[in-house]
Each structure stands twice: as C-alpha cells, then as structure tokens.
Amino acid sequence: MQPKRRAPDTEMVVTPVKKKAKAMREAYTTQQKAAISQFMSFTNMDRTAAVRVLKSHGWDAQNAVNAQLAGRQRWKRISSSGSSSSKRSVSSSSQVSQLSHRETSSIFEQIPPRPTPIPVHISSTRFVSADRLHDFGGLQHLVQTIAASDVEEAFSYYSGGGGSNASAATKTTLNKLFDKYRDNATTEPDLIGVDGAMKYLQELEIDFEDIDSLAALEIIQAPTMGEIAREGFVNGWLERDCDTIEKQKTYINNLKTQLPSDRTVFTRVYKYTFLLAKTGQQKAVPLEQAMDYWNLLFSSRFSAVKWASPNTPWLAWWKEFLEVSWKKSVNKDMWNETLKFAQLTLEDEAISFWNEESSWPSVIDDFVEWVKNEKRGGAEQKTEEMEY
C-alpha cells in the first residue's frame, strides 16, 4: 500500500512567477521599497505597475510623479462606461488623483534624492498650474478611472502620449487666436500692439478702469500695459486650458468673483502690476503713476485689500503724505512693502506692529510718524509721556 501523498500546501506552492516576484521584492533596497510604497499610495497602481513606472524613471519617485502631473493640464473626468468616441473601454478598477506639487513634495520628502537624477524636462509652468486652480477657491481633485490591464498605456497617455496631442492642439488654437489681434504680422509677428491689445481686452468684456484688466494681463504675462507677447499669451491660457474667447471670458469672470476674498491671487496681481507700470528698463515707477495704480488696487470693488478702516482713510492719507513729503519715484521694494503694510494696518489700526527697529522702508517709517503727528495729533506720544 502506497503511502498517502500529502496534499500540496497552497502556502508552500511557489510558481515561477511568484518566485521571481518574491526575489525581485527581496532584492529592492530600502530606498526603493520606500519609493514603491509611496508611489502606490499616491497613484493607487498595483505593485507591478508601480515598479515598472519607477524603473522607467530610474527609481526617482519625484520625477515619476512629476511626469504624471505634467502629462496633462487638467485631467478629464471620464464616466465608467466611457464616451462614444473612445476607442477602448474604460473601467473603474483604479483611480489616479491629481495633487499639487506641494502635496507631492510632502509625500516624498522622506525619500533621499538620487546621486545623479535622470534629467526629465518638466515645464516650470506645470508647477504653478496647481496654484492657478486656487483662483477658483482651492485645488480640485479630478479623478480619472482606468482599466487595470491598461495601467501602463494610461500612464503613458498622461505622461505625454495622448495628453501631448491635446496640448499641441490647444497651443495651435491659441497661436491662431493670438495672430488675429496682431497689429503688424510682418514686422512684429510675435507681438500684439496697443490697438490689438485694446480690441482683445474689449472682446473679453474687461473693464479698463478696474482690477480685472490687471488680472488678465498678469495671466498672459504682458510685458507692458499696451503690449501682449505671443509666449505669455499662449502659455498663460494653455496652462488654464482656455483656448477660446468664451473660455477666457468665463475664467476672468470667475476670477473676479474670487478676488475680493482671495489675498493670494490679489497679491500675485498686485506684484505684477509693478512690472506693467514700469517703462522700458526703468527700475522704478513715477510717483503719480504709482498712486493711480494704488488707487485702483486698494479701492476697487474686486480688491482683497480695501485700504480703509473704520476710523482711518489709509489710502487717502498715504497719497496725501506722498504728494506732500515724498515726491520721488517708487521702486519695487517700496511697492511690495506698501501692500504688506496696508494689510497690517487693516488688522491693527493703532499701528502697534510698527517700531523704530522694524525693517520697513524709510518712506513707511516717515508715514507712520506723519500719521501720529499730523493726523492723530501726537496722541500716542502724549500718552507715552504721561505714562512715563
């Protein structure tokens, strides 16, 4: 009688595939294991797909994620049933979420950098694209569902395959739109002059006397108030996926509703205004011109920093002081520090945040003294003397 053969223990059975996978898993360094774990957590890809992608990027987890983020400007939401124009079906087996660069940086901050990172070209505008979503009140996590069997193909699509085709088409459309407004296609093919810029802004229904004109010019990085360069125009709207006048108009309108409550966006527009206000290679803006812009930026209905408090007309006092006591041009430091000072005065009307040791520009120091002595009758100084 032959002895009974023991049934194979499923836990002990190791197929060649499992053996290879186990050997590969055990062969990974601690750094590689950390990269795999973090990459899987971010992308929801399975281990095999994660390893394949990381290998293609030399185990540089940050570059692998950046390539995914740079694949498309905005990921289109596709239903689990797919669209009628799709060439292959799409299921909801796994999900890939788009995060901002700051968030991905925090995810991988524990992973030491490679000694010699593989060079990966990523447009600098991609890193600010997540911040641009802040224009609409915060980063929106757009979810794309993909079939598990198509993980590699889908990753390729979002890393520059199909995504690059969409971007190229959008770029072509934007270039054609830019050409429509050029004043002289022969002598200045990459520049829209004053007449063309006015026509373009009018079609966006922009109020030239309000802050939305500055916001629009910041988006397209206009070199001066009356000119629009092709590169800034195309890149600015490409980043926001707005390749038609209607889309751009909608974007500006949404931005206008966000501006009054969003100091981050307002600050971006404020700082760029200094570049618009300059002439040529000048490093400063004439005082009269600077005051015009301050009046617009600090009193507009769309402003996030309306420079006036219940008992103090700060903007009016600031302009009065400059006209009487300053009479010089405004450099970049003075421009930027004025915004910072304005924000603090709205939080602290008594200006208790200021002291002689503070590193404010001298013009702001002089303004504080002027306010105390000329507008408040030296009340603070008298109080200090009485207490002393």
Protein backbone atom coordinates (compact mmCIF):
# COMPACT_ATOMS: atom_id res chain seq x y z
CA MET A 1 0.00 0.00 0.00
CA GLN A 2 1.47 3.21 -1.06
CA PRO A 3 1.62 5.99 1.50
CA LYS A 4 -0.86 8.73 1.03
CA ARG A 5 0.55 11.66 -0.73
CA ARG A 6 0.21 14.84 1.21
CA ALA A 7 -2.00 17.41 -0.48
CA PRO A 8 0.07 20.33 -1.62
CA ASP A 9 0.03 23.22 0.82
CA THR A 10 -1.09 26.22 -1.16
CA GLU A 11 1.05 28.37 1.07
CA MET A 12 4.10 26.31 0.14
CA VAL A 13 3.46 26.23 -3.60
CA VAL A 14 5.63 28.80 -5.31
CA THR A 15 5.09 29.24 -9.03
CA PRO A 16 7.92 30.63 -11.18
CA VAL A 17 6.09 33.93 -11.42
CA LYS A 18 5.67 34.19 -7.65
CA LYS A 19 9.26 33.13 -7.12
CA LYS A 20 10.51 35.81 -9.47
CA ALA A 21 8.30 38.41 -7.87
CA LYS A 22 9.47 37.39 -4.42
CA ALA A 23 13.12 37.51 -5.48
CA MET A 24 12.62 40.94 -7.02
CA ARG A 25 10.84 42.18 -3.91
CA GLU A 26 13.59 40.96 -1.64
CA ALA A 27 16.26 42.46 -3.92
CA TYR A 28 14.93 46.01 -3.57
CA THR A 29 16.89 48.42 -1.46
CA THR A 30 15.28 50.19 1.48
CA GLN A 31 15.12 53.35 -0.61
CA GLN A 32 13.44 51.53 -3.50
CA LYS A 33 10.91 49.89 -1.19
CA ALA A 34 10.01 53.30 0.22
CA ALA A 35 9.59 54.66 -3.30
CA ILE A 36 7.33 51.75 -4.27
CA SER A 37 5.17 52.13 -1.18
CA GLN A 38 4.75 55.87 -1.53
CA PHE A 39 4.15 55.73 -5.29
CA MET A 40 1.47 53.05 -4.85
CA SER A 41 -0.18 55.14 -2.14
CA PHE A 42 -0.32 58.17 -4.41
CA THR A 43 -1.38 56.54 -7.68
CA ASN A 44 -3.37 53.50 -6.50
CA MET A 45 -1.40 51.47 -9.02
CA ASP A 46 -0.59 47.85 -8.18
CA ARG A 47 2.93 46.89 -7.17
CA THR A 48 3.95 45.52 -10.57
CA ALA A 49 2.84 48.66 -12.40
CA ALA A 50 4.47 50.89 -9.78
CA VAL A 51 7.80 49.07 -10.15
CA ARG A 52 7.62 49.30 -13.94
CA VAL A 53 6.98 53.06 -13.84
CA LEU A 54 9.62 53.74 -11.19
CA LYS A 55 12.19 51.74 -13.14
CA SER A 56 11.48 53.83 -16.22
CA HIS A 57 12.38 56.89 -14.13
CA GLY A 58 15.50 55.43 -12.57
CA TRP A 59 13.72 54.89 -9.22
CA ASP A 60 13.35 58.63 -8.86
CA ALA A 61 9.89 58.75 -7.26
CA GLN A 62 9.56 62.52 -7.51
CA ASN A 63 10.30 62.50 -11.23
CA ALA A 64 7.86 59.64 -11.76
CA VAL A 65 5.06 61.59 -10.12
CA ASN A 66 6.05 64.84 -11.82
CA ALA A 67 5.87 63.11 -15.19
CA GLN A 68 2.35 62.06 -14.36
CA LEU A 69 1.39 65.58 -13.27
CA ALA A 70 2.98 67.10 -16.36
CA GLY A 71 1.16 64.73 -18.67
CA ARG A 72 -1.94 66.87 -18.93
CA GLN A 73 -3.03 70.26 -17.72
CA ARG A 74 -6.34 69.12 -16.45
CA TRP A 75 -7.41 65.53 -16.37
CA LYS A 76 -10.78 64.98 -17.97
CA ARG A 77 -13.35 63.13 -15.95
CA ILE A 78 -14.49 60.07 -17.86
CA SER A 79 -17.51 58.01 -16.84
CA SER A 80 -17.01 54.34 -16.06
CA SER A 81 -18.93 53.43 -19.22
CA GLY A 82 -16.65 55.51 -21.43
CA SER A 83 -17.57 58.01 -24.13
CA SER A 84 -18.95 57.17 -27.55
CA SER A 85 -15.80 58.46 -29.19
CA SER A 86 -13.43 56.37 -27.09
CA LYS A 87 -11.50 53.68 -28.91
CA ARG A 88 -11.31 51.36 -25.90
CA SER A 89 -13.49 50.84 -22.90
CA VAL A 90 -12.58 52.38 -19.58
CA SER A 91 -13.46 50.85 -16.24
CA SER A 92 -13.28 51.97 -12.65
CA SER A 93 -10.73 49.46 -11.43
CA SER A 94 -8.37 52.06 -10.03
CA GLN A 95 -8.23 55.79 -9.53
CA VAL A 96 -5.49 58.32 -10.02
CA SER A 97 -5.82 61.65 -8.21
CA GLN A 98 -4.09 64.84 -9.26
CA LEU A 99 -2.31 66.60 -6.40
CA SER A 100 -0.48 69.88 -6.23
CA HIS A 101 3.32 69.97 -6.36
CA ARG A 102 3.41 70.97 -2.69
CA GLU A 103 1.41 67.88 -1.75
CA THR A 104 3.57 65.51 -3.79
CA SER A 105 6.67 67.09 -2.30
CA SER A 106 5.44 66.34 1.21
CA ILE A 107 4.64 62.75 0.23
CA PHE A 108 8.16 62.09 -0.97
CA GLU A 109 10.12 64.33 1.36
CA GLN A 110 11.41 61.27 3.24
CA ILE A 111 12.94 59.76 0.09
CA PRO A 112 16.59 60.83 -0.29
CA PRO A 113 17.44 62.29 -3.71
CA ARG A 114 19.29 60.19 -6.27
CA PRO A 115 23.03 60.98 -6.55
CA THR A 116 22.58 61.58 -10.29
CA PRO A 117 18.91 62.18 -11.07
CA ILE A 118 17.79 61.29 -14.55
CA PRO A 119 17.11 64.54 -16.44
CA VAL A 120 13.40 64.94 -17.03
CA HIS A 121 12.06 68.01 -18.84
CA ILE A 122 9.10 69.48 -16.99
CA SER A 123 7.85 72.92 -17.91
CA SER A 124 8.09 75.34 -15.00
CA THR A 125 4.51 76.36 -15.68
CA ARG A 126 3.37 72.90 -14.65
CA PHE A 127 4.41 73.54 -11.09
CA VAL A 128 2.27 76.62 -10.86
CA SER A 129 -0.73 75.09 -12.55
CA ALA A 130 -1.98 73.62 -9.28
CA ASP A 131 -1.65 77.03 -7.70
CA ARG A 132 -3.69 78.50 -10.53
CA LEU A 133 -6.55 76.22 -9.54
CA HIS A 134 -6.50 78.20 -6.31
CA ASP A 135 -8.03 81.03 -8.37
CA PHE A 136 -11.31 79.19 -8.07
CA GLY A 137 -11.21 78.57 -4.33
CA GLY A 138 -8.90 75.59 -3.95
CA LEU A 139 -7.38 72.59 -5.67
CA GLN A 140 -9.96 70.36 -7.29
CA HIS A 141 -9.07 66.68 -7.33
CA LEU A 142 -10.06 65.49 -10.78
CA VAL A 143 -10.32 61.70 -10.90
CA GLN A 144 -9.60 59.58 -13.97
CA THR A 145 -10.71 55.94 -13.96
CA ILE A 146 -8.61 53.46 -15.91
CA ALA A 147 -8.68 49.73 -16.60
CA ALA A 148 -6.17 47.68 -14.61
CA SER A 149 -4.98 45.96 -17.77
CA ASP A 150 -4.19 49.32 -19.34
CA VAL A 151 -2.21 50.87 -16.47
CA GLU A 152 0.98 51.25 -18.46
CA GLU A 153 -0.77 52.62 -21.52
CA ALA A 154 -2.83 55.01 -19.40
CA PHE A 155 0.27 56.22 -17.59
CA SER A 156 1.97 56.81 -20.91
CA TYR A 157 -1.07 58.78 -22.07
CA TYR A 158 -0.97 61.10 -19.08
CA SER A 159 2.82 61.40 -19.19
CA GLY A 160 2.86 62.92 -22.63
CA GLY A 161 1.22 60.47 -25.04
CA GLY A 162 -2.37 61.46 -25.74
CA GLY A 163 -2.00 64.41 -23.39
CA SER A 164 0.70 65.97 -25.52
CA ASN A 165 -1.57 65.75 -28.56
CA ALA A 166 -4.32 67.61 -26.72
CA SER A 167 -1.84 70.27 -25.55
CA ALA A 168 -0.46 70.65 -29.07
CA ALA A 169 -3.96 71.17 -30.46
CA THR A 170 -4.75 73.75 -27.77
CA LYS A 171 -1.46 75.52 -28.43
CA THR A 172 -2.21 75.68 -32.15
CA THR A 173 -5.64 77.17 -31.46
CA LEU A 174 -4.13 79.77 -29.11
CA ASN A 175 -1.50 80.76 -31.66
CA LYS A 176 -4.22 81.33 -34.25
CA LEU A 177 -6.19 83.39 -31.74
CA PHE A 178 -3.09 85.46 -30.99
CA ASP A 179 -2.50 86.07 -34.71
CA LYS A 180 -5.99 87.51 -35.00
CA TYR A 181 -5.04 90.52 -32.85
CA ARG A 182 -1.55 91.30 -34.18
CA ASP A 183 -1.07 94.84 -35.42
CA ASN A 184 1.74 94.04 -37.83
CA ALA A 185 2.27 90.39 -38.70
CA THR A 186 5.27 91.19 -40.90
CA THR A 187 7.47 93.34 -38.68
CA GLU A 188 6.25 92.10 -35.28
CA PRO A 189 4.85 88.58 -35.73
CA ASP A 190 5.03 87.73 -32.03
CA LEU A 191 3.62 90.93 -30.58
CA ILE A 192 0.18 92.44 -30.18
CA GLY A 193 0.40 96.22 -30.02
CA VAL A 194 -1.81 98.77 -28.32
CA ASP A 195 -4.68 98.63 -30.80
CA GLY A 196 -4.78 94.84 -30.87
CA ALA A 197 -4.49 94.60 -27.09
CA MET A 198 -7.40 97.00 -26.64
CA LYS A 199 -9.52 95.02 -29.07
CA TYR A 200 -8.66 91.75 -27.35
CA LEU A 201 -9.50 93.03 -23.86
CA GLN A 202 -12.73 94.53 -25.16
CA GLU A 203 -13.78 91.14 -26.51
CA LEU A 204 -13.12 89.69 -23.06
CA GLU A 205 -15.50 92.39 -21.78
CA ILE A 206 -12.85 93.69 -19.43
CA ASP A 207 -13.27 97.00 -17.63
CA PHE A 208 -10.13 99.03 -18.35
CA GLU A 209 -10.79 101.11 -15.26
CA ASP A 210 -10.90 98.18 -12.87
CA ILE A 211 -8.68 95.48 -11.47
CA ASP A 212 -9.81 92.76 -13.88
CA SER A 213 -7.69 94.38 -16.60
CA LEU A 214 -4.61 93.90 -14.40
CA ALA A 215 -5.63 90.34 -13.58
CA ALA A 216 -5.96 89.48 -17.27
CA LEU A 217 -2.57 90.99 -18.11
CA GLU A 218 -0.97 89.05 -15.25
CA ILE A 219 -2.35 85.79 -16.63
CA ILE A 220 -0.76 86.37 -20.04
CA GLN A 221 2.36 88.00 -18.55
CA ALA A 222 2.04 91.11 -20.69
CA PRO A 223 5.43 92.87 -20.90
CA THR A 224 3.83 96.32 -20.67
CA MET A 225 0.37 97.79 -20.31
CA GLY A 226 -0.12 98.17 -24.07
CA GLU A 227 1.54 95.04 -25.45
CA ILE A 228 0.95 91.29 -25.41
CA ALA A 229 3.71 88.82 -26.32
CA ARG A 230 2.94 85.52 -28.01
CA GLU A 231 4.79 83.35 -25.47
CA GLY A 232 2.98 84.78 -22.47
CA PHE A 233 -0.39 84.67 -24.20
CA VAL A 234 -0.09 81.06 -25.34
CA ASN A 235 1.50 79.69 -22.16
CA GLY A 236 -0.83 81.59 -19.84
CA TRP A 237 -4.02 80.33 -21.43
CA LEU A 238 -2.60 76.89 -22.24
CA GLU A 239 -1.96 76.40 -18.56
CA ARG A 240 -5.58 77.21 -17.84
CA ASP A 241 -6.96 75.21 -20.77
CA CYS A 242 -8.72 78.26 -22.19
CA ASP A 243 -8.26 78.33 -25.95
CA THR A 244 -11.30 80.41 -26.94
CA ILE A 245 -12.53 83.89 -26.11
CA GLU A 246 -15.58 82.41 -24.37
CA LYS A 247 -13.47 80.17 -22.13
CA GLN A 248 -11.14 83.04 -21.30
CA LYS A 249 -14.06 85.32 -20.56
CA THR A 250 -15.54 82.72 -18.20
CA TYR A 251 -12.19 82.31 -16.46
CA ILE A 252 -11.82 86.05 -15.91
CA ASN A 253 -15.38 86.33 -14.58
CA ASN A 254 -14.76 83.50 -12.13
CA LEU A 255 -11.51 85.13 -11.09
CA LYS A 256 -13.27 88.44 -10.45
CA THR A 257 -15.69 86.77 -8.05
CA GLN A 258 -12.77 85.15 -6.24
CA LEU A 259 -10.51 88.20 -5.98
CA PRO A 260 -12.30 90.08 -3.16
CA SER A 261 -11.80 87.19 -0.75
CA ASP A 262 -8.53 85.77 -2.01
CA ARG A 263 -5.43 87.66 -0.96
CA THR A 264 -3.13 85.12 -2.59
CA VAL A 265 -4.47 85.86 -6.06
CA PHE A 266 -4.70 89.57 -5.29
CA THR A 267 -1.06 89.66 -4.17
CA ARG A 268 0.00 87.99 -7.39
CA VAL A 269 -1.85 90.62 -9.45
CA TYR A 270 -0.59 93.46 -7.24
CA LYS A 271 3.07 92.48 -7.59
CA TYR A 272 2.81 92.00 -11.33
CA THR A 273 1.27 95.44 -11.70
CA PHE A 274 4.63 96.97 -10.81
CA LEU A 275 6.17 95.34 -13.89
CA LEU A 276 3.32 96.62 -16.04
CA ALA A 277 3.70 100.13 -14.69
CA LYS A 278 7.41 100.38 -15.47
CA THR A 279 8.61 101.87 -18.73
CA GLY A 280 11.38 100.14 -20.63
CA GLN A 281 14.40 99.36 -18.46
CA GLN A 282 13.37 101.66 -15.63
CA LYS A 283 13.67 100.20 -12.15
CA ALA A 284 11.08 102.49 -10.60
CA VAL A 285 7.62 103.83 -11.37
CA PRO A 286 6.85 107.58 -11.39
CA LEU A 287 5.00 108.56 -8.21
CA GLU A 288 1.93 109.90 -9.97
CA GLN A 289 1.54 106.69 -11.95
CA ALA A 290 2.09 104.54 -8.86
CA MET A 291 -0.61 106.44 -6.99
CA ASP A 292 -3.05 105.83 -9.84
CA TYR A 293 -2.44 102.10 -9.57
CA TRP A 294 -2.67 102.16 -5.77
CA ASN A 295 -5.98 103.93 -6.06
CA LEU A 296 -7.24 101.20 -8.38
CA LEU A 297 -5.83 98.26 -6.44
CA PHE A 298 -6.78 99.44 -2.96
CA SER A 299 -10.26 100.79 -3.68
CA SER A 300 -11.67 98.51 -6.37
CA ARG A 301 -14.81 96.52 -5.57
CA PHE A 302 -12.79 93.45 -6.56
CA SER A 303 -9.89 94.25 -4.23
CA ALA A 304 -8.99 91.85 -1.43
CA VAL A 305 -7.24 94.73 0.37
CA LYS A 306 -9.53 97.74 0.52
CA TRP A 307 -7.21 100.13 2.32
CA ALA A 308 -9.52 101.91 4.72
CA SER A 309 -10.55 101.03 8.26
CA PRO A 310 -13.49 102.33 10.34
CA ASN A 311 -11.58 105.32 11.71
CA THR A 312 -8.76 105.73 9.21
CA PRO A 313 -8.87 106.50 5.47
CA TRP A 314 -5.48 104.89 4.98
CA LEU A 315 -5.27 105.18 1.20
CA ALA A 316 -6.25 108.86 1.19
CA TRP A 317 -3.70 109.60 3.91
CA TRP A 318 -0.99 107.63 2.10
CA LYS A 319 -1.49 109.58 -1.12
CA GLU A 320 -1.63 112.88 0.74
CA PHE A 321 1.61 112.11 2.55
CA LEU A 322 3.43 111.09 -0.63
CA GLU A 323 2.33 114.20 -2.52
CA VAL A 324 3.49 116.46 0.31
CA SER A 325 6.54 114.70 1.71
CA TRP A 326 7.88 112.12 -0.73
CA LYS A 327 7.70 113.26 -4.37
CA LYS A 328 10.09 110.53 -5.53
CA SER A 329 9.62 107.54 -7.78
CA VAL A 330 8.52 104.19 -6.36
CA ASN A 331 10.91 101.24 -6.53
CA LYS A 332 9.97 97.56 -6.30
CA ASP A 333 10.75 97.22 -2.59
CA MET A 334 8.58 100.21 -1.69
CA TRP A 335 5.79 98.86 -3.89
CA ASN A 336 5.77 95.41 -2.32
CA GLU A 337 6.21 96.64 1.25
CA THR A 338 3.29 99.03 0.83
CA LEU A 339 0.97 96.06 0.32
CA LYS A 340 2.36 94.33 3.38
CA PHE A 341 1.97 97.50 5.44
CA ALA A 342 -1.57 98.04 4.18
CA GLN A 343 -2.63 94.55 5.22
CA LEU A 344 -1.20 95.02 8.70
CA THR A 345 -2.89 98.38 9.22
CA LEU A 346 -6.25 96.78 8.43
CA GLU A 347 -5.60 94.29 11.22
CA ASP A 348 -4.07 96.81 13.62
CA GLU A 349 -5.40 100.33 13.14
CA ALA A 350 -3.27 101.62 16.01
CA ILE A 351 -0.09 100.64 14.11
CA SER A 352 1.24 98.91 17.22
CA PHE A 353 3.05 96.42 14.98
CA TRP A 354 5.46 99.17 13.92
CA ASN A 355 8.55 100.19 15.86
CA GLU A 356 11.77 102.02 15.06
CA GLU A 357 13.72 98.77 14.83
CA SER A 358 11.41 97.36 12.16
CA SER A 359 12.92 96.89 8.72
CA TRP A 360 10.36 98.96 6.85
CA PRO A 361 11.42 101.28 4.01
CA SER A 362 12.17 104.76 5.31
CA VAL A 363 9.13 106.17 3.49
CA ILE A 364 6.83 103.96 5.57
CA ASP A 365 8.65 104.94 8.77
CA ASP A 366 8.11 108.58 7.85
CA PHE A 367 4.46 107.90 7.04
CA VAL A 368 3.84 106.35 10.45
CA GLU A 369 5.35 109.39 12.16
CA TRP A 370 3.29 111.67 9.92
CA VAL A 371 0.08 109.84 10.81
CA LYS A 372 0.82 110.05 14.53
CA ASN A 373 1.75 113.72 14.48
CA GLU A 374 -0.32 115.22 11.68
CA LYS A 375 -3.47 113.11 11.70
CA ARG A 376 -3.73 111.91 15.25
CA GLY A 377 -2.31 114.96 16.95
CA GLY A 378 0.56 113.10 18.54
CA ALA A 379 -1.91 111.31 20.81
CA GLU A 380 0.26 108.20 21.09
CA GLN A 381 3.33 110.23 22.03
CA LYS A 382 1.42 112.26 24.66
CA THR A 383 0.08 109.06 26.20
CA GLU A 384 3.57 107.58 26.40
CA GLU A 385 4.92 110.77 28.05
CA MET A 386 2.12 110.77 30.63
CA GLU A 387 2.76 107.12 31.47
CA TYR A 388 6.46 107.85 31.79
